[in-house]
Amino acid sequence: MGKWLKRALVVTNDDGLVRDEISSLLKKAGFEVVTTPNGSEALSLCRDGSRPVDLAVIDTAVVKTNPLEISECVQEISPRVLLLADGEPDGVSDFLRSQVGHILPKPFRRAELLGRILEIMDRPLCLSA
């Protein structure tokens, strides 16, 4: 058996109730979840190295800097990032979408979030030619 059996997710959201709701949903689905209220704490957790991060779920509203910068930094540690973005899908910049790849527009239903996370986690990290 491997050292870690559950897949670890970092969830970043400044609203404690939303953070707790997302965390509860993901824990029930079998994930190990660590939550943070801001982007800098998410980066610290990802860089900590004590536990590999399989996916970072980041609400773009809590990122005090450019969400692309945060996602790029997180991608150095965890190749999977899901940004939760305000507005409709068309309201998300095409550049951000092309760089991050995984964006879920708010508002969303719990089933949509879980489905998106499971879809991302099932994708291979590297595609062979």
N, C-alpha and C. Protein backbone atom coordinates (compact mmCIF):
# COMPACT_ATOMS: atom_id res chain seq x y z
N MET A 1 0.83 -1.19 0.00
CA MET A 1 0.00 0.00 0.00
C MET A 1 0.86 1.24 0.00
N GLY A 2 0.39 2.27 -0.68
CA GLY A 2 1.13 3.52 -0.73
C GLY A 2 1.05 4.28 0.58
N LYS A 3 1.92 5.26 0.71
CA LYS A 3 1.95 6.07 1.92
C LYS A 3 0.65 6.84 2.12
N TRP A 4 0.09 7.36 1.01
CA TRP A 4 -1.17 8.09 1.09
C TRP A 4 -2.21 7.37 0.25
N LEU A 5 -3.33 7.05 0.88
CA LEU A 5 -4.38 6.34 0.17
C LEU A 5 -5.38 7.29 -0.46
N LYS A 6 -5.68 8.38 0.22
CA LYS A 6 -6.66 9.33 -0.29
C LYS A 6 -5.96 10.38 -1.14
N ARG A 7 -6.68 10.89 -2.09
CA ARG A 7 -6.17 11.98 -2.90
C ARG A 7 -6.41 13.28 -2.14
N ALA A 8 -5.42 14.16 -2.13
CA ALA A 8 -5.49 15.40 -1.35
C ALA A 8 -5.87 16.58 -2.22
N LEU A 9 -6.81 17.36 -1.71
CA LEU A 9 -7.25 18.57 -2.38
C LEU A 9 -7.07 19.75 -1.45
N VAL A 10 -6.65 20.87 -2.00
CA VAL A 10 -6.61 22.13 -1.27
C VAL A 10 -7.75 22.98 -1.81
N VAL A 11 -8.61 23.47 -0.90
CA VAL A 11 -9.75 24.29 -1.28
C VAL A 11 -9.55 25.69 -0.70
N THR A 12 -9.59 26.70 -1.56
CA THR A 12 -9.39 28.08 -1.14
C THR A 12 -10.63 28.90 -1.43
N ASN A 13 -11.22 29.43 -0.35
CA ASN A 13 -12.41 30.27 -0.46
C ASN A 13 -12.47 31.14 0.78
N ASP A 14 -12.77 32.43 0.61
CA ASP A 14 -12.79 33.33 1.76
C ASP A 14 -14.06 33.23 2.60
N ASP A 15 -15.10 32.61 2.09
CA ASP A 15 -16.35 32.44 2.83
C ASP A 15 -16.29 31.11 3.58
N GLY A 16 -16.24 31.18 4.91
CA GLY A 16 -16.11 29.99 5.74
C GLY A 16 -17.22 28.97 5.52
N LEU A 17 -18.45 29.45 5.33
CA LEU A 17 -19.56 28.52 5.10
C LEU A 17 -19.41 27.78 3.78
N VAL A 18 -19.02 28.50 2.75
CA VAL A 18 -18.81 27.88 1.43
C VAL A 18 -17.64 26.90 1.51
N ARG A 19 -16.56 27.32 2.16
CA ARG A 19 -15.39 26.46 2.33
C ARG A 19 -15.78 25.16 3.04
N ASP A 20 -16.56 25.29 4.12
CA ASP A 20 -16.99 24.11 4.88
C ASP A 20 -17.90 23.21 4.06
N GLU A 21 -18.78 23.80 3.28
CA GLU A 21 -19.71 23.03 2.44
C GLU A 21 -18.94 22.24 1.38
N ILE A 22 -18.00 22.90 0.71
CA ILE A 22 -17.20 22.22 -0.31
C ILE A 22 -16.35 21.13 0.34
N SER A 23 -15.73 21.44 1.48
CA SER A 23 -14.91 20.46 2.18
C SER A 23 -15.72 19.23 2.57
N SER A 24 -16.91 19.45 3.13
CA SER A 24 -17.78 18.34 3.54
C SER A 24 -18.15 17.46 2.35
N LEU A 25 -18.53 18.08 1.25
CA LEU A 25 -18.90 17.35 0.03
C LEU A 25 -17.74 16.47 -0.44
N LEU A 26 -16.54 17.05 -0.47
CA LEU A 26 -15.39 16.32 -1.00
C LEU A 26 -14.92 15.22 -0.04
N LYS A 27 -15.02 15.47 1.26
CA LYS A 27 -14.67 14.43 2.23
C LYS A 27 -15.62 13.25 2.13
N LYS A 28 -16.91 13.52 1.93
CA LYS A 28 -17.88 12.44 1.75
C LYS A 28 -17.58 11.63 0.49
N ALA A 29 -16.95 12.27 -0.49
CA ALA A 29 -16.59 11.59 -1.74
C ALA A 29 -15.27 10.84 -1.61
N GLY A 30 -14.64 10.91 -0.43
CA GLY A 30 -13.43 10.14 -0.19
C GLY A 30 -12.12 10.89 -0.33
N PHE A 31 -12.18 12.20 -0.51
CA PHE A 31 -10.96 12.99 -0.63
C PHE A 31 -10.47 13.46 0.73
N GLU A 32 -9.17 13.65 0.84
CA GLU A 32 -8.60 14.34 1.99
C GLU A 32 -8.58 15.81 1.59
N VAL A 33 -9.11 16.68 2.46
CA VAL A 33 -9.28 18.08 2.09
C VAL A 33 -8.62 18.98 3.13
N VAL A 34 -7.87 19.95 2.63
CA VAL A 34 -7.30 21.01 3.45
C VAL A 34 -7.87 22.31 2.91
N THR A 35 -8.36 23.18 3.81
CA THR A 35 -8.96 24.42 3.36
C THR A 35 -8.13 25.62 3.78
N THR A 36 -8.22 26.67 2.98
CA THR A 36 -7.54 27.94 3.27
C THR A 36 -8.45 29.09 2.88
N PRO A 37 -8.32 30.23 3.58
CA PRO A 37 -9.15 31.38 3.24
C PRO A 37 -8.57 32.29 2.15
N ASN A 38 -7.30 32.05 1.75
CA ASN A 38 -6.71 32.93 0.75
C ASN A 38 -5.65 32.22 -0.09
N GLY A 39 -5.28 32.87 -1.18
CA GLY A 39 -4.34 32.29 -2.13
C GLY A 39 -2.94 32.07 -1.58
N SER A 40 -2.47 32.99 -0.73
CA SER A 40 -1.11 32.82 -0.20
C SER A 40 -1.01 31.60 0.71
N GLU A 41 -2.05 31.33 1.51
CA GLU A 41 -2.05 30.12 2.34
C GLU A 41 -2.13 28.88 1.48
N ALA A 42 -2.88 28.95 0.38
CA ALA A 42 -2.96 27.80 -0.52
C ALA A 42 -1.59 27.49 -1.09
N LEU A 43 -0.86 28.52 -1.49
CA LEU A 43 0.49 28.31 -2.02
C LEU A 43 1.41 27.71 -0.97
N SER A 44 1.31 28.21 0.26
CA SER A 44 2.14 27.68 1.35
C SER A 44 1.85 26.21 1.58
N LEU A 45 0.57 25.84 1.58
CA LEU A 45 0.20 24.44 1.77
C LEU A 45 0.72 23.57 0.64
N CYS A 46 0.61 24.08 -0.57
CA CYS A 46 1.06 23.31 -1.72
C CYS A 46 2.57 23.14 -1.72
N ARG A 47 3.28 24.16 -1.25
CA ARG A 47 4.74 24.12 -1.23
C ARG A 47 5.29 23.36 -0.04
N ASP A 48 4.46 23.15 0.96
CA ASP A 48 4.86 22.51 2.22
C ASP A 48 5.60 21.20 1.97
N GLY A 49 5.12 20.39 1.05
CA GLY A 49 5.80 19.16 0.68
C GLY A 49 5.53 17.99 1.60
N SER A 50 4.83 18.21 2.73
CA SER A 50 4.56 17.10 3.64
C SER A 50 3.48 16.17 3.08
N ARG A 51 2.73 16.66 2.13
CA ARG A 51 1.66 15.86 1.51
C ARG A 51 1.49 16.32 0.08
N PRO A 52 1.60 15.42 -0.89
CA PRO A 52 1.38 15.82 -2.28
C PRO A 52 -0.05 16.35 -2.46
N VAL A 53 -0.18 17.39 -3.25
CA VAL A 53 -1.50 17.96 -3.54
C VAL A 53 -1.91 17.49 -4.92
N ASP A 54 -3.03 16.77 -4.98
CA ASP A 54 -3.52 16.24 -6.24
C ASP A 54 -4.32 17.26 -7.04
N LEU A 55 -4.97 18.19 -6.33
CA LEU A 55 -5.79 19.20 -7.00
C LEU A 55 -5.95 20.39 -6.08
N ALA A 56 -5.82 21.59 -6.63
CA ALA A 56 -6.10 22.82 -5.90
C ALA A 56 -7.36 23.44 -6.50
N VAL A 57 -8.36 23.67 -5.64
CA VAL A 57 -9.61 24.31 -6.04
C VAL A 57 -9.56 25.73 -5.48
N ILE A 58 -9.48 26.72 -6.37
CA ILE A 58 -9.25 28.09 -5.95
C ILE A 58 -10.38 28.99 -6.44
N ASP A 59 -11.01 29.70 -5.51
CA ASP A 59 -12.02 30.69 -5.86
C ASP A 59 -11.29 31.95 -6.28
N THR A 60 -11.50 32.40 -7.50
CA THR A 60 -10.76 33.56 -8.01
C THR A 60 -11.08 34.83 -7.22
N ALA A 61 -12.20 34.88 -6.52
CA ALA A 61 -12.57 36.07 -5.75
C ALA A 61 -11.64 36.28 -4.55
N VAL A 62 -10.99 35.23 -4.04
CA VAL A 62 -10.13 35.38 -2.87
C VAL A 62 -8.70 35.70 -3.23
N VAL A 63 -8.37 35.59 -4.48
CA VAL A 63 -7.00 35.81 -4.90
C VAL A 63 -6.78 37.31 -5.02
N LYS A 64 -5.86 37.83 -4.19
CA LYS A 64 -5.61 39.27 -4.18
C LYS A 64 -4.75 39.70 -5.35
N THR A 65 -4.08 38.74 -5.96
CA THR A 65 -3.30 39.04 -7.16
C THR A 65 -4.02 38.40 -8.35
N ASN A 66 -3.39 38.39 -9.46
CA ASN A 66 -3.94 37.80 -10.67
C ASN A 66 -4.17 36.29 -10.46
N PRO A 67 -5.39 35.79 -10.68
CA PRO A 67 -5.64 34.36 -10.50
C PRO A 67 -4.75 33.47 -11.36
N LEU A 68 -4.34 33.98 -12.51
CA LEU A 68 -3.44 33.20 -13.36
C LEU A 68 -2.09 33.01 -12.68
N GLU A 69 -1.59 34.05 -12.01
CA GLU A 69 -0.31 33.93 -11.30
C GLU A 69 -0.40 32.87 -10.21
N ILE A 70 -1.49 32.88 -9.44
CA ILE A 70 -1.66 31.89 -8.38
C ILE A 70 -1.75 30.49 -8.98
N SER A 71 -2.55 30.34 -10.05
CA SER A 71 -2.70 29.01 -10.63
C SER A 71 -1.38 28.51 -11.20
N GLU A 72 -0.58 29.41 -11.80
CA GLU A 72 0.72 29.00 -12.32
C GLU A 72 1.64 28.54 -11.20
N CYS A 73 1.63 29.27 -10.08
CA CYS A 73 2.45 28.87 -8.94
C CYS A 73 2.00 27.54 -8.38
N VAL A 74 0.70 27.37 -8.25
CA VAL A 74 0.18 26.10 -7.72
C VAL A 74 0.50 24.97 -8.69
N GLN A 75 0.43 25.23 -9.99
CA GLN A 75 0.70 24.18 -10.97
C GLN A 75 2.14 23.70 -10.90
N GLU A 76 3.05 24.51 -10.36
CA GLU A 76 4.42 24.05 -10.16
C GLU A 76 4.45 22.90 -9.16
N ILE A 77 3.53 22.94 -8.20
CA ILE A 77 3.48 21.92 -7.15
C ILE A 77 2.45 20.85 -7.48
N SER A 78 1.28 21.28 -7.94
CA SER A 78 0.21 20.36 -8.30
C SER A 78 -0.22 20.67 -9.73
N PRO A 79 -0.12 19.71 -10.63
CA PRO A 79 -0.46 19.98 -12.02
C PRO A 79 -1.95 20.16 -12.28
N ARG A 80 -2.77 19.92 -11.27
CA ARG A 80 -4.22 20.06 -11.45
C ARG A 80 -4.73 21.24 -10.64
N VAL A 81 -5.38 22.18 -11.33
CA VAL A 81 -5.97 23.35 -10.69
C VAL A 81 -7.35 23.56 -11.28
N LEU A 82 -8.33 23.79 -10.40
CA LEU A 82 -9.68 24.15 -10.82
C LEU A 82 -9.98 25.52 -10.25
N LEU A 83 -10.23 26.49 -11.13
CA LEU A 83 -10.60 27.83 -10.68
C LEU A 83 -12.12 27.96 -10.65
N LEU A 84 -12.63 28.50 -9.56
CA LEU A 84 -14.05 28.81 -9.43
C LEU A 84 -14.17 30.29 -9.74
N ALA A 85 -14.83 30.62 -10.85
CA ALA A 85 -14.85 32.00 -11.34
C ALA A 85 -16.23 32.60 -11.30
N ASP A 86 -16.29 33.89 -10.96
CA ASP A 86 -17.56 34.62 -10.96
C ASP A 86 -18.06 34.77 -12.39
N GLY A 87 -19.37 34.69 -12.54
CA GLY A 87 -19.98 34.96 -13.83
C GLY A 87 -20.17 33.74 -14.70
N GLU A 88 -20.70 33.99 -15.85
CA GLU A 88 -20.97 32.95 -16.84
C GLU A 88 -19.68 32.52 -17.52
N PRO A 89 -19.68 31.34 -18.15
CA PRO A 89 -18.47 30.88 -18.83
C PRO A 89 -17.91 31.89 -19.82
N ASP A 90 -18.77 32.63 -20.50
CA ASP A 90 -18.29 33.61 -21.48
C ASP A 90 -17.59 34.78 -20.79
N GLY A 91 -17.87 34.98 -19.49
CA GLY A 91 -17.26 36.07 -18.75
C GLY A 91 -15.83 35.77 -18.32
N VAL A 92 -15.40 34.55 -18.48
CA VAL A 92 -14.04 34.16 -18.12
C VAL A 92 -13.15 34.41 -19.32
N SER A 93 -12.04 35.08 -19.08
CA SER A 93 -11.18 35.43 -20.20
C SER A 93 -10.69 34.19 -20.93
N ASP A 94 -10.66 34.28 -22.25
CA ASP A 94 -10.18 33.16 -23.06
C ASP A 94 -8.72 32.83 -22.73
N PHE A 95 -7.94 33.88 -22.43
CA PHE A 95 -6.54 33.67 -22.08
C PHE A 95 -6.43 32.84 -20.80
N LEU A 96 -7.21 33.21 -19.77
CA LEU A 96 -7.18 32.48 -18.51
C LEU A 96 -7.63 31.05 -18.73
N ARG A 97 -8.67 30.88 -19.51
CA ARG A 97 -9.19 29.53 -19.80
C ARG A 97 -8.12 28.69 -20.52
N SER A 98 -7.40 29.29 -21.46
CA SER A 98 -6.39 28.52 -22.20
C SER A 98 -5.19 28.16 -21.33
N GLN A 99 -4.88 29.02 -20.35
CA GLN A 99 -3.73 28.77 -19.48
C GLN A 99 -4.03 27.78 -18.37
N VAL A 100 -5.20 27.88 -17.78
CA VAL A 100 -5.56 27.03 -16.63
C VAL A 100 -6.26 25.76 -17.10
N GLY A 101 -7.18 25.93 -18.04
CA GLY A 101 -7.87 24.77 -18.59
C GLY A 101 -9.11 24.35 -17.84
N HIS A 102 -9.10 24.45 -16.52
CA HIS A 102 -10.24 23.98 -15.74
C HIS A 102 -10.84 25.14 -14.96
N ILE A 103 -12.00 25.60 -15.43
CA ILE A 103 -12.70 26.70 -14.79
C ILE A 103 -14.16 26.30 -14.62
N LEU A 104 -14.68 26.50 -13.42
CA LEU A 104 -16.09 26.25 -13.14
C LEU A 104 -16.73 27.58 -12.79
N PRO A 105 -17.67 28.06 -13.62
CA PRO A 105 -18.30 29.35 -13.33
C PRO A 105 -19.26 29.24 -12.14
N LYS A 106 -19.29 30.31 -11.34
CA LYS A 106 -20.21 30.39 -10.22
C LYS A 106 -21.46 31.12 -10.69
N PRO A 107 -22.59 30.84 -10.13
CA PRO A 107 -22.85 29.82 -9.12
C PRO A 107 -22.89 28.43 -9.76
N PHE A 108 -22.63 27.43 -8.95
CA PHE A 108 -22.67 26.05 -9.42
C PHE A 108 -23.36 25.20 -8.35
N ARG A 109 -23.81 24.03 -8.78
CA ARG A 109 -24.41 23.08 -7.84
C ARG A 109 -23.32 22.15 -7.32
N ARG A 110 -23.56 21.58 -6.15
CA ARG A 110 -22.58 20.66 -5.56
C ARG A 110 -22.26 19.52 -6.52
N ALA A 111 -23.29 18.99 -7.19
CA ALA A 111 -23.07 17.88 -8.13
C ALA A 111 -22.17 18.30 -9.28
N GLU A 112 -22.30 19.55 -9.74
CA GLU A 112 -21.44 20.05 -10.81
C GLU A 112 -19.99 20.12 -10.35
N LEU A 113 -19.78 20.62 -9.13
CA LEU A 113 -18.43 20.73 -8.61
C LEU A 113 -17.80 19.35 -8.46
N LEU A 114 -18.51 18.44 -7.84
CA LEU A 114 -17.98 17.10 -7.64
C LEU A 114 -17.71 16.41 -8.97
N GLY A 115 -18.64 16.54 -9.91
CA GLY A 115 -18.45 15.95 -11.23
C GLY A 115 -17.23 16.49 -11.93
N ARG A 116 -17.03 17.79 -11.83
CA ARG A 116 -15.88 18.42 -12.48
C ARG A 116 -14.57 17.95 -11.86
N ILE A 117 -14.56 17.85 -10.52
CA ILE A 117 -13.36 17.39 -9.83
C ILE A 117 -13.04 15.95 -10.20
N LEU A 118 -14.05 15.10 -10.21
CA LEU A 118 -13.83 13.70 -10.58
C LEU A 118 -13.33 13.58 -12.01
N GLU A 119 -13.87 14.41 -12.89
CA GLU A 119 -13.43 14.42 -14.30
C GLU A 119 -11.96 14.83 -14.39
N ILE A 120 -11.57 15.87 -13.68
CA ILE A 120 -10.18 16.34 -13.70
C ILE A 120 -9.25 15.28 -13.13
N MET A 121 -9.65 14.66 -12.03
CA MET A 121 -8.81 13.68 -11.37
C MET A 121 -8.62 12.42 -12.22
N ASP A 122 -9.59 12.12 -13.08
CA ASP A 122 -9.50 10.94 -13.94
C ASP A 122 -8.62 11.15 -15.16
N ARG A 123 -8.32 12.39 -15.47
CA ARG A 123 -7.48 12.67 -16.65
C ARG A 123 -6.03 12.41 -16.34
N PRO A 124 -5.31 11.84 -17.30
CA PRO A 124 -3.88 11.62 -17.08
C PRO A 124 -3.14 12.95 -16.99
N LEU A 125 -2.07 12.97 -16.22
CA LEU A 125 -1.29 14.20 -16.09
C LEU A 125 -0.49 14.50 -17.34
N CYS A 126 -0.01 13.46 -18.00
CA CYS A 126 0.78 13.63 -19.22
C CYS A 126 0.15 12.80 -20.33
N LEU A 127 0.09 13.38 -21.47
CA LEU A 127 -0.42 12.65 -22.63
C LEU A 127 0.77 12.20 -23.45
N SER A 128 0.81 10.93 -23.78
CA SER A 128 1.92 10.45 -24.59
C SER A 128 1.60 10.62 -26.07
N ALA A 129 2.64 10.80 -26.86
CA ALA A 129 2.46 11.02 -28.29
C ALA A 129 2.22 9.73 -29.01
